[in-house]
């Protein structure tokens, strides 16, 4: 008999689960906090289930704690791209959308597709990820407030409040950057990987921190990492009449792609490998955005190459880790 599967639909304040155990199918809802996690464990024990294959969508921080809890309890956990669940639901001609139905779809997806198992990143990676995400949120708020100030607010009081808020955000940004540096310096593994990444022309401290927070060092090869970042090409050829220009799949971490854009622009000027690579693409008359996307992917593969080899950037060592787009 197949292992019991548990489909989990996550929201901010609660999560719905749908359990398939042999011929039995059950649904429950729990609060998305520590007490709810304990309630879920007690319910599984009442159902005489020692281990379950739990599956949830990658919804960011809403599901991180639950996924880590289930893993620590000895359950198998899969965290899948929401696009896979959406397309699976469409393949079943699902017309309605409720929390219970979503959990049921995820459970049957897990039962039939048997997605790859997930492992939580190391504690130091999780801490770095939280710090980097908070820095990104602060930078986003600063940009918004600065745009409001520059838009020409007629009220002097509002302008004064915006300036005060900007000064506060600047202090917070300085503090969080210091904490990120301290955290990396206090963890020898992170410090080693950070120092390896910044040897690559085009990658500075901010980009290195982002790459490490995404745990890219856990990927086995450049092809899988490029797919994770949504930097794999999406081809569209069919028969003799359908022949569209290839595009990026964009099925992946948009934040990771965003963080690589300007480093790739810089690498196209100062990184010898990427300069030669992009010149070759330009000779083939590839559009400018295609060249930039290829440089982003190349830079990502080079990053994985130095992390896997443990050797600072050098054309002879990193070439094998890269996959052409």
Protein backbone atom coordinates (compact mmCIF):
# COMPACT_ATOMS: atom_id res chain seq x y z
CA UNK A 1 0.00 0.00 0.00
CA UNK A 2 1.25 3.51 -0.79
CA UNK A 3 2.49 5.69 2.04
CA UNK A 4 -0.19 8.01 3.45
CA UNK A 5 -0.05 11.43 1.82
CA UNK A 6 -1.01 14.79 3.27
CA UNK A 7 -1.88 17.73 1.04
CA UNK A 8 -1.41 21.06 2.79
CA UNK A 9 -2.85 24.39 1.66
CA UNK A 10 -1.11 27.22 3.49
CA UNK A 11 -2.45 30.66 4.32
CA UNK A 12 -1.24 33.37 6.67
CA UNK A 13 -3.33 32.43 9.71
CA UNK A 14 -4.28 28.79 9.08
CA UNK A 15 -3.62 25.74 6.95
CA UNK A 16 -5.94 23.06 5.59
CA UNK A 17 -4.83 19.45 5.26
CA UNK A 18 -6.27 16.59 3.27
CA UNK A 19 -5.16 13.09 4.27
CA UNK A 20 -5.30 10.09 1.93
CA UNK A 21 -4.68 6.83 3.78
CA UNK A 22 -5.67 3.82 1.74
CA UNK A 23 -9.39 4.15 1.08
CA UNK A 24 -9.82 6.82 3.74
CA UNK A 25 -9.86 10.52 2.95
CA UNK A 26 -10.07 13.14 5.71
CA UNK A 27 -9.91 16.92 5.94
CA UNK A 28 -8.92 19.16 8.83
CA UNK A 29 -7.97 22.80 9.39
CA UNK A 30 -5.43 24.08 11.93
CA UNK A 31 -4.02 27.48 12.97
CA UNK A 32 -0.72 28.30 11.29
CA UNK A 33 1.35 28.52 14.48
CA UNK A 34 3.10 26.21 16.92
CA UNK A 35 -0.14 25.08 18.62
CA UNK A 36 -1.58 24.15 15.24
CA UNK A 37 1.49 22.10 14.41
CA UNK A 38 1.05 20.13 17.64
CA UNK A 39 -2.64 19.64 16.88
CA UNK A 40 -1.71 18.23 13.48
CA UNK A 41 0.74 15.77 15.06
CA UNK A 42 -1.87 14.64 17.59
CA UNK A 43 -4.44 14.13 14.85
CA UNK A 44 -2.03 12.03 12.78
CA UNK A 45 -1.34 9.86 15.84
CA UNK A 46 -5.08 9.43 16.37
CA UNK A 47 -5.23 8.21 12.76
CA UNK A 48 -2.50 5.65 13.64
CA UNK A 49 -0.05 7.21 11.18
CA UNK A 50 3.64 7.18 12.08
CA UNK A 51 4.99 8.76 8.90
CA UNK A 52 3.29 10.67 6.12
CA UNK A 53 4.43 12.19 2.83
CA UNK A 54 3.37 15.82 3.23
CA UNK A 55 3.21 18.12 0.22
CA UNK A 56 2.74 21.87 0.07
CA UNK A 57 3.27 24.74 -2.32
CA UNK A 58 6.35 26.96 -2.05
CA UNK A 59 4.55 29.97 -0.57
CA UNK A 60 7.54 31.63 1.07
CA UNK A 61 7.66 32.21 4.79
CA UNK A 62 4.03 31.18 5.46
CA UNK A 63 4.89 27.50 5.08
CA UNK A 64 8.56 27.44 6.09
CA UNK A 65 7.98 26.75 9.79
CA UNK A 66 5.44 23.98 9.17
CA UNK A 67 7.68 22.28 6.61
CA UNK A 68 10.63 22.38 9.04
CA UNK A 69 8.43 21.06 11.87
CA UNK A 70 7.16 18.10 9.86
CA UNK A 71 10.69 17.27 8.74
CA UNK A 72 11.92 17.32 12.34
CA UNK A 73 9.05 15.00 13.31
CA UNK A 74 10.35 12.39 10.86
CA UNK A 75 7.81 12.93 8.08
CA UNK A 76 8.68 13.17 4.40
CA UNK A 77 8.09 16.64 3.01
CA UNK A 78 7.84 17.99 -0.54
CA UNK A 79 7.73 21.72 -1.29
CA UNK A 80 6.73 22.20 -4.93
CA UNK A 81 6.37 25.09 -7.34
CA UNK A 82 2.78 26.42 -7.23
CA UNK A 83 2.70 26.32 -11.05
CA UNK A 84 2.87 22.51 -10.91
CA UNK A 85 -0.18 22.35 -8.63
CA UNK A 86 -2.06 24.87 -10.76
CA UNK A 87 -1.42 22.94 -13.96
CA UNK A 88 -2.31 19.65 -12.25
CA UNK A 89 -5.64 21.15 -11.15
CA UNK A 90 -6.30 22.34 -14.69
CA UNK A 91 -5.55 18.87 -16.05
CA UNK A 92 -8.32 17.57 -13.77
CA UNK A 93 -10.71 20.28 -15.10
CA UNK A 94 -11.10 21.72 -11.62
CA UNK A 95 -13.49 24.67 -11.71
CA UNK A 96 -13.84 25.64 -8.04
CA UNK A 97 -11.26 26.94 -5.60
CA UNK A 98 -11.55 26.54 -1.84
CA UNK A 99 -8.96 25.83 0.84
CA UNK A 100 -10.30 22.29 1.30
CA UNK A 101 -10.31 21.62 -2.44
CA UNK A 102 -6.79 23.02 -2.83
CA UNK A 103 -5.51 20.74 -0.07
CA UNK A 104 -7.23 17.79 -1.76
CA UNK A 105 -5.65 18.61 -5.14
CA UNK A 106 -2.21 18.86 -3.54
CA UNK A 107 -2.75 15.50 -1.82
CA UNK A 108 -3.67 13.73 -5.06
CA UNK A 109 -0.79 15.47 -6.83
CA UNK A 110 1.54 14.05 -4.18
CA UNK A 111 -0.02 10.59 -4.45
CA UNK A 112 0.21 10.40 -8.24
CA UNK A 113 3.31 12.46 -9.08
CA UNK A 114 5.49 11.57 -6.07
CA UNK A 115 7.44 14.86 -6.03
CA UNK A 116 11.05 15.05 -4.86
CA UNK A 117 11.64 15.26 -1.14
CA UNK A 118 12.65 18.53 0.50
CA UNK A 119 15.26 19.12 3.16
CA UNK A 120 15.45 22.29 5.24
CA UNK A 121 18.53 24.44 4.82
CA UNK A 122 21.06 24.60 7.64
CA UNK A 123 20.16 26.94 10.54
CA UNK A 124 22.80 29.49 9.52
CA UNK A 125 21.32 29.58 5.99
CA UNK A 126 17.81 30.12 7.34
CA UNK A 127 19.04 32.97 9.53
CA UNK A 128 20.87 34.55 6.59
CA UNK A 129 17.76 34.19 4.43
CA UNK A 130 15.64 36.00 7.03
CA UNK A 131 18.19 38.82 7.31
CA UNK A 132 18.53 39.24 3.53
CA UNK A 133 14.76 39.21 3.02
CA UNK A 134 14.34 41.86 5.70
CA UNK A 135 16.99 44.02 4.04
CA UNK A 136 15.17 43.70 0.71
CA UNK A 137 11.90 44.72 2.37
CA UNK A 138 13.56 47.79 3.94
CA UNK A 139 15.09 48.80 0.61
CA UNK A 140 11.69 48.44 -1.04
CA UNK A 141 10.05 50.64 1.58
CA UNK A 142 12.78 53.24 1.22
CA UNK A 143 12.25 53.39 -2.54
CA UNK A 144 8.51 53.84 -2.07
CA UNK A 145 8.91 56.62 0.49
CA UNK A 146 11.57 58.36 -1.57
CA UNK A 147 9.29 58.28 -4.63
CA UNK A 148 6.46 59.81 -2.59
CA UNK A 149 8.75 62.59 -1.40
CA UNK A 150 10.00 63.35 -4.91
CA UNK A 151 6.49 63.33 -6.37
CA UNK A 152 5.89 66.78 -4.95
CA UNK A 153 3.73 66.36 -1.84
CA UNK A 154 2.05 69.76 -1.20
CA UNK A 155 1.94 69.35 2.60
CA UNK A 156 5.06 70.41 4.51
CA UNK A 157 4.02 68.21 7.44
CA UNK A 158 3.79 65.15 5.20
CA UNK A 159 7.19 65.99 3.66
CA UNK A 160 8.69 66.25 7.14
CA UNK A 161 7.22 62.89 8.15
CA UNK A 162 8.52 61.27 4.96
CA UNK A 163 12.01 62.66 5.61
CA UNK A 164 11.91 61.33 9.18
CA UNK A 165 10.80 57.93 7.95
CA UNK A 166 13.56 57.88 5.32
CA UNK A 167 16.15 58.71 7.99
CA UNK A 168 14.79 55.87 10.16
CA UNK A 169 14.89 53.42 7.24
CA UNK A 170 18.47 54.45 6.44
CA UNK A 171 19.48 53.62 10.01
CA UNK A 172 17.68 50.27 9.85
CA UNK A 173 19.38 49.43 6.54
CA UNK A 174 22.81 50.22 7.99
CA UNK A 175 22.08 48.03 11.02
CA UNK A 176 20.78 45.06 9.05
CA UNK A 177 23.78 45.19 6.72
CA UNK A 178 26.07 45.07 9.77
CA UNK A 179 24.15 42.10 11.16
CA UNK A 180 24.42 40.25 7.85
CA UNK A 181 28.17 40.81 7.79
CA UNK A 182 28.51 39.72 11.42
CA UNK A 183 26.44 36.60 10.79
CA UNK A 184 28.60 35.62 7.82
CA UNK A 185 31.84 36.34 9.67
CA UNK A 186 30.70 34.22 12.62
CA UNK A 187 30.00 31.16 10.43
CA UNK A 188 33.19 29.77 8.83
CA UNK A 189 31.30 27.94 6.07
CA UNK A 190 29.36 31.02 5.03
CA UNK A 191 32.49 33.18 5.28
CA UNK A 192 34.43 30.78 3.03
CA UNK A 193 31.65 30.64 0.42
CA UNK A 194 31.15 34.41 0.52
CA UNK A 195 34.84 35.03 -0.08
CA UNK A 196 34.79 32.58 -2.99
CA UNK A 197 31.82 34.27 -4.64
CA UNK A 198 33.21 37.80 -4.54
CA UNK A 199 36.28 36.64 -6.50
CA UNK A 200 33.98 36.48 -9.55
CA UNK A 201 34.00 39.81 -11.44
CA UNK A 202 30.44 41.12 -11.33
CA UNK A 203 29.52 39.69 -7.93
CA UNK A 204 29.80 41.92 -4.87
CA UNK A 205 28.83 41.53 -1.24
CA UNK A 206 25.10 42.08 -1.78
CA UNK A 207 24.80 39.54 -4.59
CA UNK A 208 26.96 37.01 -2.75
CA UNK A 209 24.73 37.32 0.31
CA UNK A 210 21.62 36.80 -1.83
CA UNK A 211 23.05 33.72 -3.56
CA UNK A 212 24.05 32.14 -0.24
CA UNK A 213 20.65 32.91 1.29
CA UNK A 214 19.04 30.99 -1.60
CA UNK A 215 21.24 28.01 -0.70
CA UNK A 216 22.52 27.63 -4.28
CA UNK A 217 25.41 25.53 -3.01
CA UNK A 218 22.96 22.67 -2.40
CA UNK A 219 22.30 22.21 -6.16
CA UNK A 220 24.09 19.41 -7.97
CA UNK A 221 24.63 21.15 -11.30
CA UNK A 222 24.17 24.39 -13.19
CA UNK A 223 21.20 23.15 -15.21
CA UNK A 224 19.13 22.46 -12.08
CA UNK A 225 20.16 25.78 -10.56
CA UNK A 226 19.24 27.72 -13.72
CA UNK A 227 15.81 26.04 -13.72
CA UNK A 228 15.37 26.98 -10.05
CA UNK A 229 16.07 30.62 -10.91
CA UNK A 230 13.77 30.55 -13.96
CA UNK A 231 16.68 31.19 -16.31
CA UNK A 232 16.13 28.13 -18.50
CA UNK A 233 15.01 28.82 -22.09
CA UNK A 234 11.42 28.06 -23.07
CA UNK A 235 11.23 26.91 -26.68
CA UNK A 236 8.06 27.01 -28.78
CA UNK A 237 8.28 24.89 -31.94
CA UNK A 238 5.54 22.74 -33.34
CA UNK A 239 5.15 21.39 -36.86
CA UNK A 240 5.91 23.82 -39.66
CA UNK A 241 3.68 26.74 -38.66
CA UNK A 242 4.58 27.37 -35.00
CA UNK A 243 8.03 28.83 -34.67
CA UNK A 244 8.16 31.47 -31.94
CA UNK A 245 11.23 33.12 -30.49
CA UNK A 246 12.48 31.40 -27.35
CA UNK A 247 11.91 33.11 -24.01
CA UNK A 248 12.96 32.64 -20.42
CA UNK A 249 10.75 30.15 -18.63
CA UNK A 250 10.50 32.44 -15.56
CA UNK A 251 9.21 29.43 -13.62
CA UNK A 252 11.43 29.92 -10.61
CA UNK A 253 12.64 32.40 -8.02
CA UNK A 254 11.94 35.86 -9.40
CA UNK A 255 13.93 37.47 -6.57
CA UNK A 256 17.01 35.50 -7.55
CA UNK A 257 16.66 36.54 -11.19
CA UNK A 258 16.22 40.17 -10.17
CA UNK A 259 19.36 40.07 -8.04
CA UNK A 260 21.43 38.85 -11.01
CA UNK A 261 20.44 41.50 -13.56
CA UNK A 262 22.81 44.33 -12.66
CA UNK A 263 25.67 41.98 -11.69
CA UNK A 264 25.34 40.45 -15.18
CA UNK A 265 25.51 43.92 -16.76
CA UNK A 266 28.69 44.55 -14.79
CA UNK A 267 30.12 41.13 -15.66
CA UNK A 268 29.56 41.83 -19.37
CA UNK A 269 32.13 44.63 -18.99
CA UNK A 270 34.64 43.20 -16.51
CA UNK A 271 34.38 39.38 -16.42
CA UNK A 272 36.65 37.82 -19.12
CA UNK A 273 34.61 34.62 -19.47
CA UNK A 274 31.30 36.42 -19.79
CA UNK A 275 32.72 39.03 -22.16
CA UNK A 276 33.85 36.32 -24.59
CA UNK A 277 30.60 34.42 -24.12
CA UNK A 278 28.43 37.47 -24.85
CA UNK A 279 30.54 38.51 -27.84
CA UNK A 280 29.93 35.08 -29.34
CA UNK A 281 26.18 35.49 -28.85
CA UNK A 282 26.26 38.99 -30.33
CA UNK A 283 28.02 37.65 -33.42
CA UNK A 284 25.04 35.35 -33.89
CA UNK A 285 22.80 38.45 -33.83
CA UNK A 286 21.03 37.48 -30.61
CA UNK A 287 18.79 40.23 -29.17
CA UNK A 288 20.28 42.31 -26.38
CA UNK A 289 17.94 40.96 -23.69
CA UNK A 290 18.77 37.40 -24.74
CA UNK A 291 22.46 38.17 -24.27
CA UNK A 292 21.82 39.68 -20.84
CA UNK A 293 19.73 36.68 -19.75
CA UNK A 294 22.48 34.36 -20.96
CA UNK A 295 25.01 36.37 -18.96
CA UNK A 296 22.81 36.05 -15.86
CA UNK A 297 22.69 32.30 -16.29
CA UNK A 298 26.42 32.08 -16.94
CA UNK A 299 27.16 34.14 -13.83
CA UNK A 300 24.94 31.86 -11.76
CA UNK A 301 26.74 28.79 -13.09
CA UNK A 302 30.12 30.33 -12.38
CA UNK A 303 28.98 30.97 -8.81
CA UNK A 304 28.04 27.33 -8.38
CA UNK A 305 31.37 26.33 -9.95
CA UNK A 306 33.53 28.15 -7.40
CA UNK A 307 31.37 26.91 -4.51
CA UNK A 308 31.57 23.29 -5.65
CA UNK A 309 35.31 23.39 -6.39
CA UNK A 310 36.24 25.48 -3.37
CA UNK A 311 38.68 27.36 -5.61
CA UNK A 312 38.52 31.14 -6.30
CA UNK A 313 37.42 32.28 -9.72
CA UNK A 314 39.61 31.10 -12.56
CA UNK A 315 38.63 30.30 -16.15
CA UNK A 316 40.29 26.90 -16.02
CA UNK A 317 38.37 25.68 -12.96
CA UNK A 318 34.89 27.13 -13.45
CA UNK A 319 34.28 26.38 -17.12
CA UNK A 320 33.09 22.80 -16.46
CA UNK A 321 30.33 23.95 -14.09
CA UNK A 322 28.65 26.15 -16.67
CA UNK A 323 25.91 25.09 -19.03
CA UNK A 324 25.26 27.03 -22.20
CA UNK A 325 21.75 28.49 -22.52
